[in-house]
Amino acid sequence: MNIEKRDILDWRPEIIKLFLYLKFNADKKGEIKTTLRKLSSETKLTKQKIVTGLKNLQKKQLLIQVSRHDSTTITMISTELKTPTKTPTKTPKEKKEGEFKPTPDHQKDFSDFMNFINTYAPDVNKLTEPFTIEQFLKIKEKNTVQDIKEIILKMHNWKPLLTKSKSAYLTALTWLKKSNNIKWKKKQ
């Protein structure tokens, strides 16, 4: 979703300030790992205005916010500004290589998944590289959500998880492959 410049002019100043801060501080993947305290300190906005601003930007489908016990990871979905055109063109846009635009359904599924992890398997979110929406959708293509949740719970209960693993996605992928091989062998 592109943002038309005239739309931004209708936003409240604190939302513009927050959006621009996130846009300029996100990494190449469009992610920024931060806390409300840090956002408040760096933008000079109150925590309440930041919470409200994040909710508004999420409603506009411009970002996905995943809160963990120690930080919040914000993924910017779209940061492209475009000049409004008088007559909208209805030609399909070509997808640029490596460009990923999650749908609202993807965002809801990912949000539900992260809420599950936060509630039942918080150690998985403590890994250096927690799940991204793109990784979740990839792993979901070849596995059922139930199988993924079972593996996430097993990972959480594995004591050396935080010392022996770095990426939630790669660890889950490896464990799912092993689990699927065992299931397949039992069926033969």
N, C-alpha and C. Protein backbone atom coordinates (compact mmCIF):
# COMPACT_ATOMS: atom_id res chain seq x y z
N MET A 1 0.84 -1.17 0.00
CA MET A 1 0.00 0.00 0.00
C MET A 1 0.89 1.24 0.00
N ASN A 2 0.72 2.06 -0.99
CA ASN A 2 1.44 3.33 -1.05
C ASN A 2 0.64 4.38 -0.29
N ILE A 3 1.32 5.37 0.19
CA ILE A 3 0.69 6.43 0.94
C ILE A 3 0.69 7.67 0.08
N GLU A 4 -0.47 8.23 -0.14
CA GLU A 4 -0.52 9.46 -0.93
C GLU A 4 -0.16 10.63 -0.03
N LYS A 5 0.59 11.58 -0.60
CA LYS A 5 1.06 12.72 0.18
C LYS A 5 -0.09 13.49 0.80
N ARG A 6 -1.21 13.60 0.09
CA ARG A 6 -2.32 14.36 0.65
C ARG A 6 -2.93 13.66 1.86
N ASP A 7 -2.82 12.32 1.92
CA ASP A 7 -3.30 11.59 3.09
C ASP A 7 -2.50 11.98 4.32
N ILE A 8 -1.19 12.08 4.17
CA ILE A 8 -0.33 12.41 5.31
C ILE A 8 -0.66 13.80 5.84
N LEU A 9 -1.03 14.71 4.97
CA LEU A 9 -1.36 16.06 5.41
C LEU A 9 -2.58 16.08 6.33
N ASP A 10 -3.41 15.04 6.25
CA ASP A 10 -4.59 14.94 7.11
C ASP A 10 -4.28 14.29 8.46
N TRP A 11 -3.10 13.71 8.60
CA TRP A 11 -2.73 13.05 9.86
C TRP A 11 -2.41 14.07 10.93
N ARG A 12 -2.57 13.65 12.19
CA ARG A 12 -2.18 14.50 13.31
C ARG A 12 -0.65 14.60 13.34
N PRO A 13 -0.11 15.71 13.80
CA PRO A 13 1.34 15.92 13.78
C PRO A 13 2.13 14.82 14.49
N GLU A 14 1.61 14.32 15.62
CA GLU A 14 2.35 13.28 16.35
C GLU A 14 2.43 11.97 15.57
N ILE A 15 1.40 11.68 14.76
CA ILE A 15 1.44 10.47 13.94
C ILE A 15 2.45 10.64 12.82
N ILE A 16 2.48 11.82 12.23
CA ILE A 16 3.48 12.10 11.18
C ILE A 16 4.89 11.95 11.75
N LYS A 17 5.10 12.55 12.91
CA LYS A 17 6.42 12.49 13.56
C LYS A 17 6.82 11.04 13.84
N LEU A 18 5.89 10.25 14.39
CA LEU A 18 6.17 8.85 14.70
C LEU A 18 6.44 8.05 13.43
N PHE A 19 5.61 8.25 12.41
CA PHE A 19 5.79 7.54 11.14
C PHE A 19 7.15 7.84 10.53
N LEU A 20 7.53 9.11 10.49
CA LEU A 20 8.82 9.48 9.91
C LEU A 20 9.98 8.93 10.73
N TYR A 21 9.85 8.94 12.05
CA TYR A 21 10.89 8.38 12.90
C TYR A 21 11.08 6.89 12.57
N LEU A 22 9.97 6.15 12.49
CA LEU A 22 10.03 4.72 12.19
C LEU A 22 10.60 4.48 10.79
N LYS A 23 10.15 5.28 9.84
CA LYS A 23 10.61 5.13 8.45
C LYS A 23 12.12 5.31 8.34
N PHE A 24 12.66 6.29 9.00
CA PHE A 24 14.09 6.58 8.88
C PHE A 24 14.97 5.74 9.79
N ASN A 25 14.38 5.06 10.76
CA ASN A 25 15.19 4.26 11.68
C ASN A 25 15.03 2.76 11.48
N ALA A 26 14.18 2.35 10.56
CA ALA A 26 14.00 0.93 10.28
C ALA A 26 15.20 0.40 9.51
N ASP A 27 15.49 -0.90 9.69
CA ASP A 27 16.60 -1.52 8.96
C ASP A 27 16.16 -1.82 7.52
N LYS A 28 17.01 -2.54 6.78
CA LYS A 28 16.72 -2.84 5.37
C LYS A 28 15.44 -3.66 5.20
N LYS A 29 15.12 -4.48 6.20
CA LYS A 29 13.90 -5.29 6.14
C LYS A 29 12.67 -4.49 6.53
N GLY A 30 12.88 -3.25 6.95
CA GLY A 30 11.76 -2.43 7.38
C GLY A 30 11.40 -2.65 8.83
N GLU A 31 12.31 -3.25 9.59
CA GLU A 31 12.04 -3.56 11.00
C GLU A 31 12.81 -2.63 11.91
N ILE A 32 12.21 -2.37 13.06
CA ILE A 32 12.88 -1.61 14.11
C ILE A 32 12.52 -2.26 15.44
N LYS A 33 13.53 -2.58 16.21
CA LYS A 33 13.32 -3.17 17.53
C LYS A 33 13.55 -2.06 18.55
N THR A 34 12.53 -1.78 19.37
CA THR A 34 12.60 -0.64 20.26
C THR A 34 11.71 -0.87 21.48
N THR A 35 11.61 0.13 22.31
CA THR A 35 10.70 0.11 23.45
C THR A 35 9.89 1.41 23.44
N LEU A 36 8.77 1.41 24.17
CA LEU A 36 7.98 2.63 24.25
C LEU A 36 8.79 3.76 24.89
N ARG A 37 9.59 3.41 25.90
CA ARG A 37 10.40 4.41 26.58
C ARG A 37 11.39 5.06 25.60
N LYS A 38 12.03 4.22 24.77
CA LYS A 38 13.00 4.73 23.81
C LYS A 38 12.30 5.60 22.75
N LEU A 39 11.16 5.12 22.25
CA LEU A 39 10.40 5.92 21.27
C LEU A 39 10.01 7.26 21.87
N SER A 40 9.55 7.24 23.11
CA SER A 40 9.14 8.46 23.78
C SER A 40 10.32 9.42 23.94
N SER A 41 11.45 8.89 24.34
CA SER A 41 12.65 9.71 24.53
C SER A 41 13.13 10.33 23.23
N GLU A 42 13.14 9.53 22.17
CA GLU A 42 13.71 10.01 20.91
C GLU A 42 12.76 10.88 20.09
N THR A 43 11.46 10.68 20.25
CA THR A 43 10.50 11.48 19.48
C THR A 43 9.91 12.63 20.30
N LYS A 44 10.16 12.60 21.61
CA LYS A 44 9.61 13.62 22.54
C LYS A 44 8.08 13.59 22.55
N LEU A 45 7.51 12.38 22.33
CA LEU A 45 6.07 12.19 22.42
C LEU A 45 5.77 11.40 23.70
N THR A 46 4.57 11.58 24.24
CA THR A 46 4.20 10.80 25.42
C THR A 46 3.98 9.35 25.01
N LYS A 47 4.08 8.46 25.98
CA LYS A 47 3.86 7.03 25.69
C LYS A 47 2.45 6.81 25.15
N GLN A 48 1.47 7.53 25.70
CA GLN A 48 0.10 7.37 25.24
C GLN A 48 -0.05 7.78 23.78
N LYS A 49 0.61 8.88 23.38
CA LYS A 49 0.53 9.31 21.98
C LYS A 49 1.22 8.30 21.07
N ILE A 50 2.29 7.67 21.55
CA ILE A 50 2.97 6.64 20.76
C ILE A 50 2.08 5.42 20.59
N VAL A 51 1.45 4.97 21.68
CA VAL A 51 0.56 3.81 21.60
C VAL A 51 -0.58 4.10 20.64
N THR A 52 -1.18 5.27 20.77
CA THR A 52 -2.28 5.66 19.87
C THR A 52 -1.80 5.76 18.42
N GLY A 53 -0.63 6.37 18.23
CA GLY A 53 -0.07 6.50 16.88
C GLY A 53 0.22 5.15 16.25
N LEU A 54 0.79 4.22 17.01
CA LEU A 54 1.08 2.88 16.48
C LEU A 54 -0.21 2.17 16.09
N LYS A 55 -1.25 2.31 16.93
CA LYS A 55 -2.54 1.69 16.60
C LYS A 55 -3.12 2.28 15.32
N ASN A 56 -3.03 3.60 15.17
CA ASN A 56 -3.54 4.25 13.94
C ASN A 56 -2.77 3.80 12.71
N LEU A 57 -1.45 3.73 12.82
CA LEU A 57 -0.64 3.29 11.67
C LEU A 57 -0.91 1.82 11.35
N GLN A 58 -1.19 1.03 12.38
CA GLN A 58 -1.51 -0.38 12.14
C GLN A 58 -2.88 -0.50 11.45
N LYS A 59 -3.84 0.32 11.85
CA LYS A 59 -5.15 0.32 11.21
C LYS A 59 -5.05 0.71 9.74
N LYS A 60 -4.11 1.61 9.43
CA LYS A 60 -3.90 2.05 8.04
C LYS A 60 -3.06 1.02 7.26
N GLN A 61 -2.74 -0.11 7.92
CA GLN A 61 -1.97 -1.21 7.32
C GLN A 61 -0.59 -0.74 6.86
N LEU A 62 0.04 0.10 7.67
CA LEU A 62 1.37 0.59 7.34
C LEU A 62 2.45 -0.12 8.16
N LEU A 63 2.04 -0.79 9.23
CA LEU A 63 3.02 -1.49 10.05
C LEU A 63 2.37 -2.64 10.80
N ILE A 64 3.24 -3.53 11.27
CA ILE A 64 2.83 -4.62 12.15
C ILE A 64 3.66 -4.47 13.41
N GLN A 65 3.00 -4.56 14.55
CA GLN A 65 3.67 -4.39 15.82
C GLN A 65 3.59 -5.70 16.60
N VAL A 66 4.74 -6.20 17.04
CA VAL A 66 4.79 -7.40 17.86
C VAL A 66 5.50 -7.05 19.15
N SER A 67 4.75 -7.10 20.25
CA SER A 67 5.32 -6.75 21.55
C SER A 67 5.81 -8.00 22.26
N ARG A 68 6.98 -7.86 22.88
CA ARG A 68 7.54 -8.92 23.70
C ARG A 68 7.75 -8.33 25.08
N HIS A 69 8.17 -9.15 26.01
CA HIS A 69 8.32 -8.67 27.38
C HIS A 69 9.35 -7.56 27.51
N ASP A 70 10.38 -7.55 26.68
CA ASP A 70 11.46 -6.57 26.82
C ASP A 70 11.51 -5.53 25.72
N SER A 71 10.78 -5.75 24.63
CA SER A 71 10.85 -4.79 23.52
C SER A 71 9.66 -4.99 22.59
N THR A 72 9.59 -4.11 21.62
CA THR A 72 8.57 -4.18 20.58
C THR A 72 9.28 -4.18 19.23
N THR A 73 8.88 -5.12 18.37
CA THR A 73 9.42 -5.13 17.01
C THR A 73 8.33 -4.59 16.09
N ILE A 74 8.70 -3.56 15.35
CA ILE A 74 7.76 -2.92 14.44
C ILE A 74 8.26 -3.17 13.02
N THR A 75 7.40 -3.73 12.18
CA THR A 75 7.74 -3.97 10.78
C THR A 75 6.94 -3.00 9.93
N MET A 76 7.66 -2.16 9.20
CA MET A 76 7.01 -1.20 8.31
C MET A 76 6.59 -1.96 7.04
N ILE A 77 5.31 -1.93 6.73
CA ILE A 77 4.82 -2.63 5.55
C ILE A 77 5.00 -1.77 4.31
N SER A 78 4.74 -0.50 4.46
CA SER A 78 4.87 0.40 3.32
C SER A 78 5.37 1.74 3.80
N THR A 79 6.37 2.26 3.12
CA THR A 79 6.87 3.59 3.46
C THR A 79 7.01 4.45 2.20
N GLU A 80 6.47 3.98 1.10
CA GLU A 80 6.59 4.73 -0.15
C GLU A 80 5.56 5.85 -0.20
N LEU A 81 6.03 7.03 -0.47
CA LEU A 81 5.14 8.16 -0.65
C LEU A 81 4.95 8.39 -2.13
N LYS A 82 3.72 8.59 -2.52
CA LYS A 82 3.49 8.87 -3.95
C LYS A 82 2.64 10.11 -4.08
N THR A 83 2.84 10.80 -5.18
CA THR A 83 2.05 11.98 -5.48
C THR A 83 0.72 11.52 -6.04
N PRO A 84 -0.38 12.07 -5.55
CA PRO A 84 -1.68 11.63 -6.05
C PRO A 84 -1.85 11.94 -7.54
N THR A 85 -2.51 11.04 -8.21
CA THR A 85 -2.77 11.24 -9.63
C THR A 85 -4.23 11.62 -9.80
N LYS A 86 -4.53 12.33 -10.88
CA LYS A 86 -5.90 12.76 -11.10
C LYS A 86 -6.79 11.59 -11.48
N THR A 87 -6.28 10.71 -12.32
CA THR A 87 -7.05 9.53 -12.71
C THR A 87 -6.25 8.29 -12.31
N PRO A 88 -6.81 7.50 -11.40
CA PRO A 88 -6.07 6.32 -10.98
C PRO A 88 -5.95 5.30 -12.10
N THR A 89 -4.78 4.73 -12.21
CA THR A 89 -4.56 3.70 -13.22
C THR A 89 -4.89 2.35 -12.60
N LYS A 90 -5.47 1.48 -13.40
CA LYS A 90 -5.85 0.18 -12.89
C LYS A 90 -5.00 -0.93 -13.49
N THR A 91 -3.81 -0.60 -13.91
CA THR A 91 -2.92 -1.63 -14.43
C THR A 91 -2.25 -2.32 -13.27
N PRO A 92 -2.14 -3.65 -13.33
CA PRO A 92 -1.51 -4.35 -12.22
C PRO A 92 -0.03 -3.99 -12.11
N LYS A 93 0.41 -3.81 -10.87
CA LYS A 93 1.82 -3.49 -10.65
C LYS A 93 2.64 -4.75 -10.70
N GLU A 94 3.81 -4.64 -11.28
CA GLU A 94 4.72 -5.77 -11.27
C GLU A 94 5.37 -5.85 -9.91
N LYS A 95 5.46 -7.06 -9.40
CA LYS A 95 6.08 -7.25 -8.10
C LYS A 95 7.58 -7.23 -8.26
N LYS A 96 8.23 -6.33 -7.53
CA LYS A 96 9.68 -6.26 -7.57
C LYS A 96 10.25 -7.47 -6.85
N GLU A 97 11.39 -7.94 -7.33
CA GLU A 97 12.01 -9.10 -6.71
C GLU A 97 12.39 -8.77 -5.27
N GLY A 98 12.01 -9.66 -4.35
CA GLY A 98 12.33 -9.48 -2.95
C GLY A 98 11.32 -8.60 -2.22
N GLU A 99 10.35 -8.01 -2.95
CA GLU A 99 9.36 -7.16 -2.31
C GLU A 99 8.24 -8.04 -1.77
N PHE A 100 7.86 -7.80 -0.54
CA PHE A 100 6.83 -8.62 0.10
C PHE A 100 5.78 -7.71 0.70
N LYS A 101 4.54 -7.90 0.30
CA LYS A 101 3.44 -7.10 0.82
C LYS A 101 2.41 -8.03 1.45
N PRO A 102 2.41 -8.14 2.77
CA PRO A 102 1.44 -9.03 3.41
C PRO A 102 0.02 -8.47 3.31
N THR A 103 -0.93 -9.37 3.18
CA THR A 103 -2.33 -8.97 3.13
C THR A 103 -2.85 -8.81 4.56
N PRO A 104 -4.01 -8.21 4.73
CA PRO A 104 -4.58 -8.10 6.08
C PRO A 104 -4.78 -9.48 6.74
N ASP A 105 -5.15 -10.49 5.94
CA ASP A 105 -5.29 -11.84 6.49
C ASP A 105 -3.95 -12.37 6.99
N HIS A 106 -2.87 -12.12 6.22
CA HIS A 106 -1.54 -12.51 6.65
C HIS A 106 -1.18 -11.83 7.96
N GLN A 107 -1.48 -10.54 8.04
CA GLN A 107 -1.15 -9.78 9.24
C GLN A 107 -1.90 -10.32 10.46
N LYS A 108 -3.16 -10.67 10.27
CA LYS A 108 -3.95 -11.21 11.38
C LYS A 108 -3.42 -12.57 11.81
N ASP A 109 -3.12 -13.44 10.84
CA ASP A 109 -2.56 -14.76 11.16
C ASP A 109 -1.25 -14.63 11.92
N PHE A 110 -0.39 -13.71 11.46
CA PHE A 110 0.91 -13.52 12.11
C PHE A 110 0.72 -12.95 13.51
N SER A 111 -0.18 -12.01 13.65
CA SER A 111 -0.45 -11.43 14.96
C SER A 111 -0.97 -12.49 15.93
N ASP A 112 -1.89 -13.35 15.47
CA ASP A 112 -2.40 -14.45 16.29
C ASP A 112 -1.27 -15.40 16.68
N PHE A 113 -0.40 -15.70 15.72
CA PHE A 113 0.74 -16.59 15.96
C PHE A 113 1.67 -16.00 17.01
N MET A 114 1.98 -14.71 16.88
CA MET A 114 2.88 -14.07 17.84
C MET A 114 2.24 -13.97 19.22
N ASN A 115 0.94 -13.78 19.26
CA ASN A 115 0.24 -13.77 20.56
C ASN A 115 0.32 -15.15 21.21
N PHE A 116 0.21 -16.20 20.40
CA PHE A 116 0.37 -17.56 20.92
C PHE A 116 1.76 -17.73 21.52
N ILE A 117 2.78 -17.30 20.79
CA ILE A 117 4.16 -17.42 21.28
C ILE A 117 4.34 -16.60 22.57
N ASN A 118 3.85 -15.37 22.57
CA ASN A 118 3.99 -14.53 23.77
C ASN A 118 3.32 -15.14 24.98
N THR A 119 2.19 -15.81 24.76
CA THR A 119 1.44 -16.39 25.86
C THR A 119 2.00 -17.73 26.32
N TYR A 120 2.29 -18.63 25.37
CA TYR A 120 2.62 -20.01 25.73
C TYR A 120 4.10 -20.38 25.56
N ALA A 121 4.85 -19.59 24.81
CA ALA A 121 6.26 -19.94 24.55
C ALA A 121 7.14 -18.69 24.50
N PRO A 122 7.17 -17.90 25.56
CA PRO A 122 7.92 -16.64 25.51
C PRO A 122 9.42 -16.80 25.28
N ASP A 123 9.99 -17.95 25.63
CA ASP A 123 11.43 -18.15 25.39
C ASP A 123 11.75 -18.13 23.90
N VAL A 124 10.83 -18.54 23.06
CA VAL A 124 11.06 -18.53 21.61
C VAL A 124 11.24 -17.09 21.13
N ASN A 125 10.53 -16.15 21.74
CA ASN A 125 10.68 -14.74 21.37
C ASN A 125 11.95 -14.11 21.92
N LYS A 126 12.61 -14.78 22.84
CA LYS A 126 13.85 -14.24 23.41
C LYS A 126 15.07 -14.56 22.53
N LEU A 127 14.87 -15.40 21.51
CA LEU A 127 15.98 -15.71 20.61
C LEU A 127 16.44 -14.43 19.90
N THR A 128 17.68 -14.44 19.46
CA THR A 128 18.26 -13.27 18.81
C THR A 128 17.45 -12.85 17.58
N GLU A 129 16.96 -13.85 16.84
CA GLU A 129 16.19 -13.57 15.63
C GLU A 129 14.79 -14.17 15.75
N PRO A 130 13.82 -13.40 16.26
CA PRO A 130 12.44 -13.93 16.35
C PRO A 130 11.82 -14.04 14.96
N PHE A 131 10.67 -14.66 14.88
CA PHE A 131 9.97 -14.83 13.60
C PHE A 131 9.64 -13.49 12.97
N THR A 132 9.73 -13.44 11.64
CA THR A 132 9.20 -12.31 10.88
C THR A 132 7.93 -12.81 10.20
N ILE A 133 7.12 -11.91 9.71
CA ILE A 133 5.88 -12.31 9.05
C ILE A 133 6.18 -13.15 7.81
N GLU A 134 7.22 -12.78 7.08
CA GLU A 134 7.58 -13.52 5.86
C GLU A 134 7.98 -14.96 6.21
N GLN A 135 8.76 -15.12 7.27
CA GLN A 135 9.19 -16.45 7.69
C GLN A 135 8.00 -17.28 8.15
N PHE A 136 7.10 -16.66 8.90
CA PHE A 136 5.91 -17.38 9.35
C PHE A 136 5.10 -17.90 8.17
N LEU A 137 4.90 -17.05 7.16
CA LEU A 137 4.11 -17.47 6.00
C LEU A 137 4.80 -18.58 5.21
N LYS A 138 6.14 -18.54 5.14
CA LYS A 138 6.88 -19.61 4.45
C LYS A 138 6.71 -20.95 5.17
N ILE A 139 6.85 -20.91 6.49
CA ILE A 139 6.78 -22.15 7.26
C ILE A 139 5.35 -22.70 7.26
N LYS A 140 4.38 -21.79 7.16
CA LYS A 140 2.96 -22.18 7.16
C LYS A 140 2.55 -22.83 5.83
N GLU A 141 3.30 -22.54 4.76
CA GLU A 141 2.98 -23.12 3.45
C GLU A 141 3.09 -24.65 3.47
N LYS A 142 4.07 -25.18 4.21
CA LYS A 142 4.34 -26.61 4.17
C LYS A 142 3.94 -27.35 5.45
N ASN A 143 3.42 -26.63 6.44
CA ASN A 143 3.07 -27.25 7.72
C ASN A 143 1.74 -26.70 8.21
N THR A 144 1.06 -27.50 9.00
CA THR A 144 -0.19 -27.03 9.58
C THR A 144 0.14 -26.11 10.75
N VAL A 145 -0.78 -25.23 11.07
CA VAL A 145 -0.57 -24.32 12.20
C VAL A 145 -0.45 -25.13 13.49
N GLN A 146 -1.22 -26.22 13.60
CA GLN A 146 -1.15 -27.07 14.79
C GLN A 146 0.25 -27.68 14.94
N ASP A 147 0.83 -28.19 13.84
CA ASP A 147 2.18 -28.75 13.90
C ASP A 147 3.20 -27.68 14.30
N ILE A 148 3.04 -26.48 13.75
CA ILE A 148 3.96 -25.38 14.07
C ILE A 148 3.87 -25.04 15.56
N LYS A 149 2.64 -24.95 16.08
CA LYS A 149 2.46 -24.62 17.49
C LYS A 149 3.06 -25.70 18.40
N GLU A 150 2.89 -26.96 18.02
CA GLU A 150 3.47 -28.05 18.82
C GLU A 150 4.99 -27.92 18.88
N ILE A 151 5.60 -27.62 17.74
CA ILE A 151 7.06 -27.47 17.70
C ILE A 151 7.49 -26.26 18.52
N ILE A 152 6.74 -25.17 18.43
CA ILE A 152 7.07 -23.96 19.20
C ILE A 152 7.05 -24.28 20.70
N LEU A 153 6.06 -25.05 21.13
CA LEU A 153 5.99 -25.44 22.55
C LEU A 153 7.16 -26.33 22.94
N LYS A 154 7.55 -27.24 22.06
CA LYS A 154 8.71 -28.10 22.34
C LYS A 154 9.98 -27.27 22.41
N MET A 155 10.12 -26.31 21.52
CA MET A 155 11.29 -25.44 21.54
C MET A 155 11.35 -24.67 22.87
N HIS A 156 10.21 -24.15 23.28
CA HIS A 156 10.15 -23.38 24.53
C HIS A 156 10.57 -24.23 25.73
N ASN A 157 10.19 -25.49 25.72
CA ASN A 157 10.51 -26.38 26.85
C ASN A 157 11.92 -26.95 26.79
N TRP A 158 12.63 -26.74 25.71
CA TRP A 158 14.00 -27.24 25.58
C TRP A 158 14.92 -26.27 26.31
N LYS A 159 15.51 -26.70 27.40
CA LYS A 159 16.30 -25.81 28.26
C LYS A 159 17.44 -25.09 27.53
N PRO A 160 18.23 -25.77 26.67
CA PRO A 160 19.34 -25.05 26.03
C PRO A 160 18.94 -24.17 24.84
N LEU A 161 17.65 -23.94 24.63
CA LEU A 161 17.19 -23.16 23.47
C LEU A 161 17.92 -21.83 23.33
N LEU A 162 17.98 -21.06 24.39
CA LEU A 162 18.55 -19.71 24.31
C LEU A 162 20.06 -19.70 24.15
N THR A 163 20.72 -20.79 24.50
CA THR A 163 22.18 -20.83 24.35
C THR A 163 22.62 -21.53 23.07
N LYS A 164 21.78 -22.42 22.54
CA LYS A 164 22.18 -23.19 21.35
C LYS A 164 21.51 -22.75 20.07
N SER A 165 20.51 -21.91 20.18
CA SER A 165 19.78 -21.47 18.98
C SER A 165 19.83 -19.96 18.86
N LYS A 166 19.76 -19.51 17.60
CA LYS A 166 19.79 -18.07 17.33
C LYS A 166 18.50 -17.62 16.64
N SER A 167 18.05 -18.39 15.64
CA SER A 167 16.91 -18.01 14.82
C SER A 167 15.70 -18.87 15.15
N ALA A 168 14.60 -18.24 15.50
CA ALA A 168 13.36 -18.97 15.78
C ALA A 168 12.89 -19.72 14.53
N TYR A 169 12.97 -19.05 13.40
CA TYR A 169 12.51 -19.64 12.14
C TYR A 169 13.33 -20.88 11.77
N LEU A 170 14.66 -20.75 11.75
CA LEU A 170 15.50 -21.88 11.35
C LEU A 170 15.41 -23.04 12.33
N THR A 171 15.30 -22.73 13.62
CA THR A 171 15.16 -23.79 14.62
C THR A 171 13.84 -24.52 14.42
N ALA A 172 12.76 -23.77 14.25
CA ALA A 172 11.45 -24.39 14.04
C ALA A 172 11.44 -25.21 12.75
N LEU A 173 12.05 -24.69 11.71
CA LEU A 173 12.11 -25.39 10.42
C LEU A 173 12.82 -26.73 10.58
N THR A 174 13.96 -26.72 11.26
CA THR A 174 14.73 -27.96 11.49
C THR A 174 13.91 -28.96 12.30
N TRP A 175 13.30 -28.50 13.37
CA TRP A 175 12.51 -29.38 14.22
C TRP A 175 11.28 -29.93 13.47
N LEU A 176 10.66 -29.10 12.65
CA LEU A 176 9.52 -29.57 11.87
C LEU A 176 9.93 -30.63 10.85
N LYS A 177 11.09 -30.45 10.21
CA LYS A 177 11.58 -31.45 9.25
C LYS A 177 11.81 -32.78 9.96
N LYS A 178 12.45 -32.73 11.12
CA LYS A 178 12.69 -33.95 11.88
C LYS A 178 11.38 -34.59 12.29
N SER A 179 10.45 -33.80 12.76
CA SER A 179 9.14 -34.29 13.19
C SER A 179 8.38 -34.92 12.02
N ASN A 180 8.42 -34.28 10.86
CA ASN A 180 7.73 -34.81 9.68
C ASN A 180 8.35 -36.10 9.19
N ASN A 181 9.69 -36.22 9.28
CA ASN A 181 10.36 -37.47 8.90
C ASN A 181 9.93 -38.61 9.82
N ILE A 182 9.81 -38.33 11.09
CA ILE A 182 9.40 -39.36 12.05
C ILE A 182 7.97 -39.79 11.75
N LYS A 183 7.07 -38.84 11.51
CA LYS A 183 5.67 -39.16 11.19
C LYS A 183 5.60 -39.99 9.91
N TRP A 184 6.39 -39.60 8.90
CA TRP A 184 6.36 -40.29 7.61
C TRP A 184 6.85 -41.73 7.79
N LYS A 185 7.92 -41.95 8.57
CA LYS A 185 8.45 -43.29 8.78
C LYS A 185 7.45 -44.16 9.53
N LYS A 186 6.71 -43.58 10.49
CA LYS A 186 5.72 -44.34 11.25
C LYS A 186 4.58 -44.81 10.35
N LYS A 187 4.24 -44.04 9.33
CA LYS A 187 3.14 -44.38 8.45
C LYS A 187 3.50 -45.51 7.49
N GLN A 188 4.79 -45.73 7.22
CA GLN A 188 5.20 -46.76 6.25
C GLN A 188 4.99 -48.15 6.80
